[in-house]
Amino acid sequence: MPRALVLSALVVALSSALPALGEIYSWRDKDGKVHYSDQAPPSGDVKVLRGGVQRPRSAAPTPAEEDGASAAANGATQSGANGEAKPAAEAKSAENRPKTAAEQEQAFRQRRAEAAEAQAKAEKENAVKADRERLCQEARNQLAALQSGQRMVRYGKDGERVVLDDAMRAEEAARTQRHVDEACR
């Protein structure tokens, strides 16, 4: 029993130290100020600190930054809404900026509404399909009964029972066959 207690205490102690194994980044900004963080900076020279060991690492610029830098180097401009020219880098940065909470909420609501609409459409299609299959099966059952030769009775306009003779049965079977062909396609 004491051995199990010691083993479980060791497991708890080791598992509580796991978050400390994450990477810590160190970098200098454009003003020369040193920053430390658990998240990598967007660009520049980065040192990864892990237990006092420093390894220099150069972070590669993101594709959006490369596009902005190449557009700015080429002197490309993009006309704004009021007709004045804006540098392409500014237009790209506006597109790549993080979304606000309201924008994220709006996007979430839109996705949820689209998903609900798609689900309702799928349910409606499934209901129509199930109804068609039910009608098809009923028509096939009626046709099988007509072709089996058993006595069939219909009610006339005045409510009296009329037993189907061979001619009436053939006519009813042809009509039911057309209905089966239509309902089961």
N, C-alpha and C. Protein backbone atom coordinates (compact mmCIF):
# COMPACT_ATOMS: atom_id res chain seq x y z
N MET A 1 0.82 -1.20 0.00
CA MET A 1 0.00 0.00 0.00
C MET A 1 0.86 1.26 0.00
N PRO A 2 1.90 1.38 0.85
CA PRO A 2 2.73 2.59 0.83
C PRO A 2 3.43 2.77 -0.53
N ARG A 3 3.74 1.66 -1.18
CA ARG A 3 4.40 1.76 -2.48
C ARG A 3 3.47 2.42 -3.51
N ALA A 4 2.19 2.06 -3.50
CA ALA A 4 1.21 2.66 -4.41
C ALA A 4 1.02 4.14 -4.10
N LEU A 5 1.06 4.50 -2.83
CA LEU A 5 0.92 5.90 -2.43
C LEU A 5 2.10 6.72 -2.92
N VAL A 6 3.30 6.18 -2.78
CA VAL A 6 4.50 6.88 -3.25
C VAL A 6 4.46 7.02 -4.77
N LEU A 7 4.05 5.97 -5.46
CA LEU A 7 3.98 6.01 -6.92
C LEU A 7 2.95 7.04 -7.40
N SER A 8 1.79 7.09 -6.76
CA SER A 8 0.78 8.07 -7.16
C SER A 8 1.23 9.49 -6.85
N ALA A 9 1.93 9.70 -5.74
CA ALA A 9 2.45 11.04 -5.42
C ALA A 9 3.49 11.46 -6.45
N LEU A 10 4.31 10.54 -6.91
CA LEU A 10 5.31 10.82 -7.93
C LEU A 10 4.64 11.20 -9.25
N VAL A 11 3.60 10.50 -9.64
CA VAL A 11 2.87 10.80 -10.87
C VAL A 11 2.25 12.19 -10.79
N VAL A 12 1.65 12.54 -9.66
CA VAL A 12 1.03 13.86 -9.49
C VAL A 12 2.09 14.94 -9.56
N ALA A 13 3.22 14.74 -8.92
CA ALA A 13 4.29 15.75 -8.92
C ALA A 13 4.85 15.96 -10.32
N LEU A 14 5.05 14.88 -11.06
CA LEU A 14 5.59 15.02 -12.41
C LEU A 14 4.59 15.62 -13.37
N SER A 15 3.32 15.28 -13.24
CA SER A 15 2.33 15.83 -14.16
C SER A 15 2.06 17.30 -13.90
N SER A 16 2.26 17.77 -12.67
CA SER A 16 2.05 19.19 -12.39
C SER A 16 3.16 20.05 -12.97
N ALA A 17 4.30 19.46 -13.29
CA ALA A 17 5.42 20.21 -13.86
C ALA A 17 5.37 20.28 -15.38
N LEU A 18 4.44 19.59 -16.03
CA LEU A 18 4.38 19.58 -17.49
C LEU A 18 4.16 20.95 -18.12
N PRO A 19 3.32 21.84 -17.57
CA PRO A 19 3.17 23.14 -18.21
C PRO A 19 4.45 23.96 -18.25
N ALA A 20 5.39 23.70 -17.37
CA ALA A 20 6.64 24.44 -17.34
C ALA A 20 7.55 24.06 -18.50
N LEU A 21 7.23 23.01 -19.23
CA LEU A 21 8.07 22.58 -20.33
C LEU A 21 7.78 23.32 -21.63
N GLY A 22 6.82 24.23 -21.65
CA GLY A 22 6.48 24.98 -22.86
C GLY A 22 7.60 25.94 -23.24
N GLU A 23 7.58 26.41 -24.49
CA GLU A 23 8.61 27.31 -24.96
C GLU A 23 8.34 28.73 -24.49
N ILE A 24 9.42 29.44 -24.20
CA ILE A 24 9.35 30.85 -23.84
C ILE A 24 10.18 31.60 -24.87
N TYR A 25 9.61 32.65 -25.44
CA TYR A 25 10.27 33.41 -26.49
C TYR A 25 10.77 34.74 -25.93
N SER A 26 11.91 35.17 -26.45
CA SER A 26 12.49 36.45 -26.09
C SER A 26 12.82 37.18 -27.38
N TRP A 27 12.45 38.48 -27.50
CA TRP A 27 12.76 39.25 -28.69
C TRP A 27 12.82 40.73 -28.35
N ARG A 28 13.43 41.49 -29.23
CA ARG A 28 13.51 42.95 -29.09
C ARG A 28 12.60 43.58 -30.13
N ASP A 29 11.85 44.59 -29.71
CA ASP A 29 10.99 45.28 -30.66
C ASP A 29 11.79 46.37 -31.37
N LYS A 30 11.13 47.18 -32.21
CA LYS A 30 11.83 48.18 -33.01
C LYS A 30 12.43 49.29 -32.15
N ASP A 31 11.93 49.48 -30.92
CA ASP A 31 12.48 50.48 -30.01
C ASP A 31 13.62 49.92 -29.16
N GLY A 32 13.93 48.64 -29.31
CA GLY A 32 15.02 48.03 -28.57
C GLY A 32 14.59 47.43 -27.24
N LYS A 33 13.32 47.45 -26.94
CA LYS A 33 12.82 46.91 -25.68
C LYS A 33 12.72 45.39 -25.78
N VAL A 34 13.16 44.68 -24.73
CA VAL A 34 13.14 43.22 -24.70
C VAL A 34 11.78 42.75 -24.18
N HIS A 35 11.20 41.78 -24.89
CA HIS A 35 9.91 41.21 -24.51
C HIS A 35 10.07 39.71 -24.28
N TYR A 36 9.31 39.16 -23.32
CA TYR A 36 9.27 37.73 -23.05
C TYR A 36 7.82 37.28 -23.14
N SER A 37 7.59 36.14 -23.80
CA SER A 37 6.22 35.65 -23.96
C SER A 37 6.23 34.16 -24.24
N ASP A 38 5.08 33.53 -24.03
CA ASP A 38 4.94 32.12 -24.39
C ASP A 38 4.43 31.96 -25.81
N GLN A 39 4.15 33.07 -26.50
CA GLN A 39 3.72 33.04 -27.89
C GLN A 39 4.78 33.72 -28.75
N ALA A 40 5.03 33.16 -29.92
CA ALA A 40 6.05 33.71 -30.81
C ALA A 40 5.59 35.06 -31.35
N PRO A 41 6.53 36.00 -31.53
CA PRO A 41 6.17 37.29 -32.11
C PRO A 41 5.88 37.12 -33.60
N PRO A 42 5.22 38.10 -34.23
CA PRO A 42 4.88 37.96 -35.64
C PRO A 42 6.10 37.87 -36.55
N SER A 43 7.18 38.58 -36.26
CA SER A 43 8.36 38.52 -37.12
C SER A 43 9.58 39.00 -36.35
N GLY A 44 10.73 38.84 -36.98
CA GLY A 44 11.97 39.32 -36.38
C GLY A 44 12.80 38.20 -35.80
N ASP A 45 13.94 38.59 -35.20
CA ASP A 45 14.83 37.61 -34.57
C ASP A 45 14.24 37.21 -33.23
N VAL A 46 14.17 35.92 -33.00
CA VAL A 46 13.56 35.38 -31.80
C VAL A 46 14.54 34.45 -31.13
N LYS A 47 14.60 34.51 -29.82
CA LYS A 47 15.38 33.54 -29.06
C LYS A 47 14.39 32.70 -28.27
N VAL A 48 14.54 31.39 -28.39
CA VAL A 48 13.68 30.49 -27.63
C VAL A 48 14.42 30.13 -26.36
N LEU A 49 13.82 30.47 -25.23
CA LEU A 49 14.42 30.18 -23.93
C LEU A 49 13.78 28.93 -23.37
N ARG A 50 14.63 27.98 -23.01
CA ARG A 50 14.11 26.74 -22.44
C ARG A 50 15.07 26.30 -21.35
N GLY A 51 14.71 26.54 -20.09
CA GLY A 51 15.56 26.13 -18.97
C GLY A 51 16.91 26.84 -18.97
N GLY A 52 16.96 28.08 -19.37
CA GLY A 52 18.20 28.85 -19.37
C GLY A 52 19.02 28.66 -20.62
N VAL A 53 18.65 27.76 -21.50
CA VAL A 53 19.38 27.54 -22.74
C VAL A 53 18.78 28.43 -23.81
N GLN A 54 19.62 29.24 -24.46
CA GLN A 54 19.12 30.14 -25.49
C GLN A 54 19.53 29.62 -26.85
N ARG A 55 18.56 29.59 -27.75
CA ARG A 55 18.84 29.20 -29.13
C ARG A 55 18.30 30.30 -30.02
N PRO A 56 19.15 30.98 -30.80
CA PRO A 56 18.63 32.00 -31.69
C PRO A 56 17.81 31.36 -32.80
N ARG A 57 16.71 32.01 -33.11
CA ARG A 57 15.84 31.52 -34.16
C ARG A 57 15.26 32.71 -34.89
N SER A 58 15.26 32.65 -36.19
CA SER A 58 14.70 33.73 -36.98
C SER A 58 13.31 33.31 -37.41
N ALA A 59 12.32 34.09 -37.02
CA ALA A 59 10.95 33.77 -37.39
C ALA A 59 10.71 34.21 -38.82
N ALA A 60 10.17 33.32 -39.62
CA ALA A 60 9.88 33.65 -41.02
C ALA A 60 8.65 34.53 -41.07
N PRO A 61 8.65 35.54 -41.93
CA PRO A 61 7.47 36.39 -42.04
C PRO A 61 6.29 35.60 -42.60
N THR A 62 5.11 36.00 -42.20
CA THR A 62 3.91 35.33 -42.68
C THR A 62 3.68 35.70 -44.13
N PRO A 63 2.90 34.90 -44.88
CA PRO A 63 2.64 35.22 -46.28
C PRO A 63 1.99 36.59 -46.46
N ALA A 64 1.13 37.00 -45.52
CA ALA A 64 0.49 38.31 -45.63
C ALA A 64 1.52 39.42 -45.50
N GLU A 65 2.50 39.24 -44.60
CA GLU A 65 3.54 40.26 -44.45
C GLU A 65 4.41 40.32 -45.69
N GLU A 66 4.69 39.16 -46.29
CA GLU A 66 5.50 39.16 -47.50
C GLU A 66 4.78 39.88 -48.63
N ASP A 67 3.45 39.65 -48.77
CA ASP A 67 2.68 40.33 -49.80
C ASP A 67 2.68 41.83 -49.57
N GLY A 68 2.50 42.23 -48.32
CA GLY A 68 2.48 43.65 -48.00
C GLY A 68 3.82 44.29 -48.26
N ALA A 69 4.91 43.60 -47.92
CA ALA A 69 6.24 44.15 -48.13
C ALA A 69 6.55 44.27 -49.61
N SER A 70 6.17 43.27 -50.41
CA SER A 70 6.46 43.32 -51.84
C SER A 70 5.60 44.37 -52.52
N ALA A 71 4.35 44.54 -52.08
CA ALA A 71 3.49 45.56 -52.67
C ALA A 71 4.00 46.95 -52.32
N ALA A 72 4.47 47.14 -51.09
CA ALA A 72 4.99 48.44 -50.69
C ALA A 72 6.29 48.73 -51.42
N ALA A 73 7.11 47.71 -51.64
CA ALA A 73 8.37 47.91 -52.35
C ALA A 73 8.12 48.28 -53.81
N ASN A 74 7.08 47.74 -54.40
CA ASN A 74 6.76 48.05 -55.79
C ASN A 74 6.02 49.37 -55.93
N GLY A 75 5.62 49.98 -54.82
CA GLY A 75 4.90 51.24 -54.88
C GLY A 75 3.48 51.08 -55.34
N ALA A 76 2.91 49.90 -55.16
CA ALA A 76 1.54 49.65 -55.60
C ALA A 76 0.58 50.42 -54.72
N THR A 77 -0.49 50.91 -55.33
CA THR A 77 -1.51 51.63 -54.58
C THR A 77 -2.86 51.04 -54.90
N GLN A 78 -3.79 51.33 -54.01
CA GLN A 78 -5.14 50.85 -54.19
C GLN A 78 -6.05 52.03 -53.90
N SER A 79 -7.03 52.29 -54.75
CA SER A 79 -7.86 53.46 -54.51
C SER A 79 -8.87 53.15 -53.44
N GLY A 80 -9.10 54.14 -52.55
CA GLY A 80 -10.03 53.97 -51.45
C GLY A 80 -11.44 54.30 -51.88
N ALA A 81 -12.36 54.30 -50.91
CA ALA A 81 -13.77 54.55 -51.22
C ALA A 81 -13.99 56.00 -51.63
N ASN A 82 -13.18 56.95 -51.10
CA ASN A 82 -13.38 58.35 -51.43
C ASN A 82 -12.50 58.79 -52.60
N GLY A 83 -11.88 57.89 -53.29
CA GLY A 83 -11.12 58.21 -54.49
C GLY A 83 -9.65 58.45 -54.24
N GLU A 84 -9.23 58.60 -52.98
CA GLU A 84 -7.81 58.82 -52.74
C GLU A 84 -7.08 57.48 -52.72
N ALA A 85 -5.81 57.53 -53.06
CA ALA A 85 -5.04 56.29 -53.16
C ALA A 85 -4.51 55.90 -51.79
N LYS A 86 -4.62 54.59 -51.47
CA LYS A 86 -4.06 54.06 -50.23
C LYS A 86 -3.01 53.04 -50.61
N PRO A 87 -1.92 52.96 -49.87
CA PRO A 87 -0.94 51.92 -50.16
C PRO A 87 -1.56 50.54 -49.98
N ALA A 88 -1.11 49.61 -50.79
CA ALA A 88 -1.65 48.25 -50.75
C ALA A 88 -1.38 47.58 -49.41
N ALA A 89 -0.26 47.94 -48.77
CA ALA A 89 0.07 47.34 -47.48
C ALA A 89 -0.97 47.71 -46.43
N GLU A 90 -1.47 48.95 -46.47
CA GLU A 90 -2.50 49.36 -45.52
C GLU A 90 -3.80 48.62 -45.78
N ALA A 91 -4.14 48.42 -47.04
CA ALA A 91 -5.36 47.68 -47.38
C ALA A 91 -5.25 46.23 -46.91
N LYS A 92 -4.08 45.63 -47.08
CA LYS A 92 -3.88 44.24 -46.65
C LYS A 92 -3.96 44.14 -45.13
N SER A 93 -3.37 45.13 -44.42
CA SER A 93 -3.39 45.06 -42.96
C SER A 93 -4.81 45.20 -42.43
N ALA A 94 -5.65 45.97 -43.11
CA ALA A 94 -7.04 46.09 -42.68
C ALA A 94 -7.78 44.76 -42.86
N GLU A 95 -7.46 44.03 -43.92
CA GLU A 95 -8.10 42.74 -44.16
C GLU A 95 -7.60 41.68 -43.18
N ASN A 96 -6.34 41.78 -42.77
CA ASN A 96 -5.73 40.74 -41.94
C ASN A 96 -5.80 41.05 -40.45
N ARG A 97 -6.40 42.16 -40.08
CA ARG A 97 -6.48 42.50 -38.67
C ARG A 97 -7.38 41.50 -37.95
N PRO A 98 -7.16 41.30 -36.66
CA PRO A 98 -8.01 40.36 -35.92
C PRO A 98 -9.45 40.87 -35.87
N LYS A 99 -10.38 39.96 -35.89
CA LYS A 99 -11.79 40.33 -35.84
C LYS A 99 -12.16 40.75 -34.43
N THR A 100 -13.05 41.73 -34.34
CA THR A 100 -13.54 42.14 -33.04
C THR A 100 -14.54 41.11 -32.53
N ALA A 101 -14.88 41.23 -31.27
CA ALA A 101 -15.83 40.28 -30.68
C ALA A 101 -17.18 40.36 -31.39
N ALA A 102 -17.60 41.57 -31.76
CA ALA A 102 -18.88 41.72 -32.45
C ALA A 102 -18.83 41.06 -33.83
N GLU A 103 -17.72 41.21 -34.54
CA GLU A 103 -17.58 40.59 -35.85
C GLU A 103 -17.55 39.07 -35.73
N GLN A 104 -16.86 38.57 -34.71
CA GLN A 104 -16.82 37.13 -34.49
C GLN A 104 -18.21 36.60 -34.15
N GLU A 105 -18.96 37.34 -33.32
CA GLU A 105 -20.31 36.94 -32.96
C GLU A 105 -21.22 36.93 -34.19
N GLN A 106 -21.09 37.96 -35.03
CA GLN A 106 -21.90 38.04 -36.24
C GLN A 106 -21.59 36.87 -37.18
N ALA A 107 -20.30 36.57 -37.34
CA ALA A 107 -19.90 35.45 -38.20
C ALA A 107 -20.43 34.13 -37.64
N PHE A 108 -20.36 33.98 -36.32
CA PHE A 108 -20.88 32.77 -35.68
C PHE A 108 -22.37 32.62 -35.91
N ARG A 109 -23.13 33.72 -35.71
CA ARG A 109 -24.58 33.67 -35.92
C ARG A 109 -24.92 33.35 -37.37
N GLN A 110 -24.14 33.91 -38.30
CA GLN A 110 -24.39 33.64 -39.72
C GLN A 110 -24.14 32.17 -40.03
N ARG A 111 -23.03 31.62 -39.52
CA ARG A 111 -22.75 30.20 -39.75
C ARG A 111 -23.84 29.32 -39.14
N ARG A 112 -24.30 29.69 -37.95
CA ARG A 112 -25.33 28.90 -37.29
C ARG A 112 -26.65 28.97 -38.06
N ALA A 113 -26.99 30.15 -38.58
CA ALA A 113 -28.22 30.28 -39.37
C ALA A 113 -28.13 29.48 -40.66
N GLU A 114 -26.96 29.51 -41.32
CA GLU A 114 -26.78 28.73 -42.54
C GLU A 114 -26.88 27.24 -42.26
N ALA A 115 -26.31 26.80 -41.14
CA ALA A 115 -26.37 25.38 -40.78
C ALA A 115 -27.81 24.96 -40.48
N ALA A 116 -28.56 25.83 -39.78
CA ALA A 116 -29.95 25.51 -39.48
C ALA A 116 -30.78 25.45 -40.76
N GLU A 117 -30.50 26.37 -41.68
CA GLU A 117 -31.22 26.38 -42.96
C GLU A 117 -30.92 25.11 -43.76
N ALA A 118 -29.66 24.72 -43.78
CA ALA A 118 -29.27 23.51 -44.51
C ALA A 118 -29.91 22.27 -43.88
N GLN A 119 -29.96 22.24 -42.55
CA GLN A 119 -30.57 21.11 -41.86
C GLN A 119 -32.07 21.04 -42.15
N ALA A 120 -32.75 22.20 -42.13
CA ALA A 120 -34.18 22.22 -42.42
C ALA A 120 -34.45 21.76 -43.85
N LYS A 121 -33.60 22.18 -44.78
CA LYS A 121 -33.76 21.77 -46.17
C LYS A 121 -33.58 20.26 -46.31
N ALA A 122 -32.56 19.72 -45.63
CA ALA A 122 -32.31 18.28 -45.69
C ALA A 122 -33.47 17.49 -45.07
N GLU A 123 -34.02 17.99 -43.96
CA GLU A 123 -35.15 17.31 -43.33
C GLU A 123 -36.37 17.33 -44.24
N LYS A 124 -36.60 18.46 -44.92
CA LYS A 124 -37.74 18.56 -45.83
C LYS A 124 -37.57 17.58 -46.99
N GLU A 125 -36.35 17.51 -47.55
CA GLU A 125 -36.09 16.57 -48.65
C GLU A 125 -36.29 15.13 -48.19
N ASN A 126 -35.84 14.82 -46.98
CA ASN A 126 -36.01 13.46 -46.46
C ASN A 126 -37.49 13.13 -46.25
N ALA A 127 -38.28 14.11 -45.78
CA ALA A 127 -39.71 13.88 -45.58
C ALA A 127 -40.41 13.64 -46.92
N VAL A 128 -40.05 14.42 -47.93
CA VAL A 128 -40.65 14.24 -49.26
C VAL A 128 -40.28 12.87 -49.82
N LYS A 129 -39.02 12.49 -49.63
CA LYS A 129 -38.57 11.19 -50.13
C LYS A 129 -39.30 10.04 -49.42
N ALA A 130 -39.45 10.16 -48.10
CA ALA A 130 -40.16 9.12 -47.34
C ALA A 130 -41.62 9.03 -47.76
N ASP A 131 -42.25 10.18 -48.03
CA ASP A 131 -43.65 10.19 -48.46
C ASP A 131 -43.80 9.53 -49.83
N ARG A 132 -42.86 9.82 -50.75
CA ARG A 132 -42.90 9.20 -52.08
C ARG A 132 -42.73 7.68 -51.97
N GLU A 133 -41.81 7.24 -51.11
CA GLU A 133 -41.61 5.80 -50.93
C GLU A 133 -42.86 5.14 -50.35
N ARG A 134 -43.52 5.81 -49.41
CA ARG A 134 -44.74 5.27 -48.82
C ARG A 134 -45.84 5.15 -49.88
N LEU A 135 -46.02 6.20 -50.69
CA LEU A 135 -47.04 6.15 -51.75
C LEU A 135 -46.72 5.08 -52.78
N CYS A 136 -45.46 4.92 -53.10
CA CYS A 136 -45.04 3.89 -54.05
C CYS A 136 -45.38 2.51 -53.52
N GLN A 137 -45.07 2.27 -52.25
CA GLN A 137 -45.35 0.96 -51.66
C GLN A 137 -46.85 0.68 -51.61
N GLU A 138 -47.64 1.70 -51.28
CA GLU A 138 -49.10 1.51 -51.27
C GLU A 138 -49.62 1.17 -52.66
N ALA A 139 -49.11 1.85 -53.69
CA ALA A 139 -49.55 1.58 -55.06
C ALA A 139 -49.14 0.17 -55.49
N ARG A 140 -47.95 -0.26 -55.12
CA ARG A 140 -47.50 -1.62 -55.46
C ARG A 140 -48.37 -2.67 -54.76
N ASN A 141 -48.72 -2.41 -53.51
CA ASN A 141 -49.59 -3.34 -52.78
C ASN A 141 -50.96 -3.43 -53.44
N GLN A 142 -51.51 -2.30 -53.87
CA GLN A 142 -52.81 -2.29 -54.54
C GLN A 142 -52.74 -3.05 -55.86
N LEU A 143 -51.64 -2.84 -56.62
CA LEU A 143 -51.48 -3.54 -57.89
C LEU A 143 -51.35 -5.05 -57.66
N ALA A 144 -50.61 -5.44 -56.64
CA ALA A 144 -50.46 -6.87 -56.33
C ALA A 144 -51.80 -7.49 -55.97
N ALA A 145 -52.62 -6.75 -55.23
CA ALA A 145 -53.95 -7.26 -54.87
C ALA A 145 -54.83 -7.41 -56.11
N LEU A 146 -54.74 -6.45 -57.03
CA LEU A 146 -55.53 -6.54 -58.26
C LEU A 146 -55.08 -7.71 -59.13
N GLN A 147 -53.80 -7.97 -59.18
CA GLN A 147 -53.26 -9.02 -60.04
C GLN A 147 -53.37 -10.40 -59.40
N SER A 148 -53.67 -10.46 -58.10
CA SER A 148 -53.73 -11.76 -57.43
C SER A 148 -54.99 -12.55 -57.79
N GLY A 149 -56.02 -11.90 -58.26
CA GLY A 149 -57.24 -12.61 -58.65
C GLY A 149 -58.27 -12.70 -57.54
N GLN A 150 -58.00 -12.16 -56.38
CA GLN A 150 -58.99 -12.22 -55.30
C GLN A 150 -60.16 -11.28 -55.61
N ARG A 151 -61.29 -11.57 -55.02
CA ARG A 151 -62.47 -10.74 -55.27
C ARG A 151 -62.25 -9.36 -54.68
N MET A 152 -62.61 -8.35 -55.48
CA MET A 152 -62.45 -6.96 -55.03
C MET A 152 -63.80 -6.28 -55.15
N VAL A 153 -64.05 -5.39 -54.23
CA VAL A 153 -65.32 -4.66 -54.19
C VAL A 153 -65.02 -3.17 -54.19
N ARG A 154 -65.78 -2.43 -54.96
CA ARG A 154 -65.73 -0.97 -54.96
C ARG A 154 -67.12 -0.47 -54.59
N TYR A 155 -67.17 0.71 -54.09
CA TYR A 155 -68.46 1.30 -53.76
C TYR A 155 -68.84 2.29 -54.84
N GLY A 156 -70.05 2.18 -55.33
CA GLY A 156 -70.57 3.04 -56.39
C GLY A 156 -70.94 4.41 -55.86
N LYS A 157 -71.51 5.22 -56.78
CA LYS A 157 -71.89 6.59 -56.44
C LYS A 157 -73.02 6.62 -55.41
N ASP A 158 -73.87 5.64 -55.45
CA ASP A 158 -74.99 5.61 -54.51
C ASP A 158 -74.63 4.89 -53.21
N GLY A 159 -73.35 4.46 -53.07
CA GLY A 159 -72.91 3.82 -51.84
C GLY A 159 -73.08 2.32 -51.82
N GLU A 160 -73.52 1.73 -52.92
CA GLU A 160 -73.71 0.28 -52.96
C GLU A 160 -72.41 -0.39 -53.39
N ARG A 161 -72.23 -1.61 -52.90
CA ARG A 161 -71.04 -2.39 -53.24
C ARG A 161 -71.16 -2.91 -54.66
N VAL A 162 -70.02 -2.79 -55.40
CA VAL A 162 -69.97 -3.31 -56.77
C VAL A 162 -68.77 -4.24 -56.83
N VAL A 163 -69.02 -5.51 -57.18
CA VAL A 163 -67.94 -6.49 -57.32
C VAL A 163 -67.29 -6.28 -58.67
N LEU A 164 -65.94 -6.22 -58.69
CA LEU A 164 -65.21 -5.98 -59.94
C LEU A 164 -65.20 -7.25 -60.79
N ASP A 165 -65.63 -7.13 -62.04
CA ASP A 165 -65.50 -8.26 -62.96
C ASP A 165 -64.14 -8.16 -63.64
N ASP A 166 -63.86 -9.08 -64.57
CA ASP A 166 -62.53 -9.13 -65.20
C ASP A 166 -62.20 -7.85 -65.96
N ALA A 167 -63.14 -7.28 -66.68
CA ALA A 167 -62.89 -6.06 -67.46
C ALA A 167 -62.59 -4.89 -66.52
N MET A 168 -63.39 -4.76 -65.46
CA MET A 168 -63.17 -3.67 -64.50
C MET A 168 -61.85 -3.86 -63.76
N ARG A 169 -61.51 -5.11 -63.46
CA ARG A 169 -60.24 -5.41 -62.78
C ARG A 169 -59.07 -5.03 -63.68
N ALA A 170 -59.14 -5.36 -64.99
CA ALA A 170 -58.06 -5.03 -65.93
C ALA A 170 -57.91 -3.52 -66.06
N GLU A 171 -59.05 -2.81 -66.12
CA GLU A 171 -59.01 -1.35 -66.21
C GLU A 171 -58.39 -0.74 -64.95
N GLU A 172 -58.79 -1.24 -63.79
CA GLU A 172 -58.26 -0.76 -62.51
C GLU A 172 -56.77 -1.09 -62.39
N ALA A 173 -56.35 -2.27 -62.86
CA ALA A 173 -54.94 -2.67 -62.81
C ALA A 173 -54.10 -1.76 -63.70
N ALA A 174 -54.61 -1.41 -64.89
CA ALA A 174 -53.88 -0.52 -65.79
C ALA A 174 -53.72 0.86 -65.16
N ARG A 175 -54.80 1.37 -64.54
CA ARG A 175 -54.73 2.68 -63.88
C ARG A 175 -53.75 2.64 -62.71
N THR A 176 -53.77 1.58 -61.93
CA THR A 176 -52.86 1.44 -60.80
C THR A 176 -51.42 1.28 -61.27
N GLN A 177 -51.21 0.57 -62.40
CA GLN A 177 -49.86 0.42 -62.95
C GLN A 177 -49.29 1.79 -63.35
N ARG A 178 -50.12 2.65 -63.96
CA ARG A 178 -49.67 4.01 -64.31
C ARG A 178 -49.29 4.78 -63.04
N HIS A 179 -50.09 4.61 -62.00
CA HIS A 179 -49.80 5.28 -60.73
C HIS A 179 -48.49 4.77 -60.12
N VAL A 180 -48.25 3.46 -60.20
CA VAL A 180 -47.00 2.89 -59.71
C VAL A 180 -45.82 3.45 -60.49
N ASP A 181 -45.96 3.50 -61.82
CA ASP A 181 -44.88 4.03 -62.66
C ASP A 181 -44.57 5.48 -62.30
N GLU A 182 -45.60 6.25 -62.00
CA GLU A 182 -45.41 7.66 -61.67
C GLU A 182 -44.84 7.83 -60.26
N ALA A 183 -45.35 7.08 -59.30
CA ALA A 183 -44.95 7.25 -57.91
C ALA A 183 -43.59 6.64 -57.60
N CYS A 184 -43.17 5.65 -58.38
CA CYS A 184 -41.94 4.91 -58.04
C CYS A 184 -40.76 5.24 -58.94
N ARG A 185 -40.78 6.34 -59.61
CA ARG A 185 -39.62 6.64 -60.45
C ARG A 185 -38.52 7.31 -59.70
